[in-house]
């Protein structure tokens, strides 16, 4: 029995990389884990890898910038497991493009998937996160959310936004007993 036995977690951007590793760690500690990402096949494979038995992991194809997708995932998780105790906002985009070469499509993809997606998912999950039950929101930022790096203007902007969002949200929901933190991995 793990330390997260019967807690319910939702991890966005979890079909590969850090998101999948986080989802796997949560499941190994006993959590019921919902994962989501934009590629349905990658989500299915990740869910199978995380929980070979299939019972404690749900996988969803979802785009975090689409409010209907977000609502559908959260409603399905709540219908299955009753509530959500842990949210890990990992979804986002990145590419090294100098600002003079960048375009609105790329810029919006990075900023929207990182900042707007985090906002949409968090807002929807908080409606189903119980007060005073040890709720946790964990936002993946980056060391580039603390410093600028040439060629990563969109990414740095988005990750700085996540840090500001995290700080404000932590104060906003503290009275409910919900903790909000950002993780800033480096390279």
Foldseek 3Di string as FASTA:
>chain_A
DAPCALAEEEFEPQLDDPNLVVQLVNVVRHYQYEYEEQDQVSQVVSCCVSPVVNDRYHYDHAQLLDLVRLLVSLVVSCVVRNAHQEYEYDWFDFDQAAPVRDDPVVLCRGQSSQQVSLVSNVVNRVVRHAFPPAGEYEYEAAVLCVPPDGRGVSNVVNSVNVVVVQVVVQVVCVVRVYHGYYDHYYD
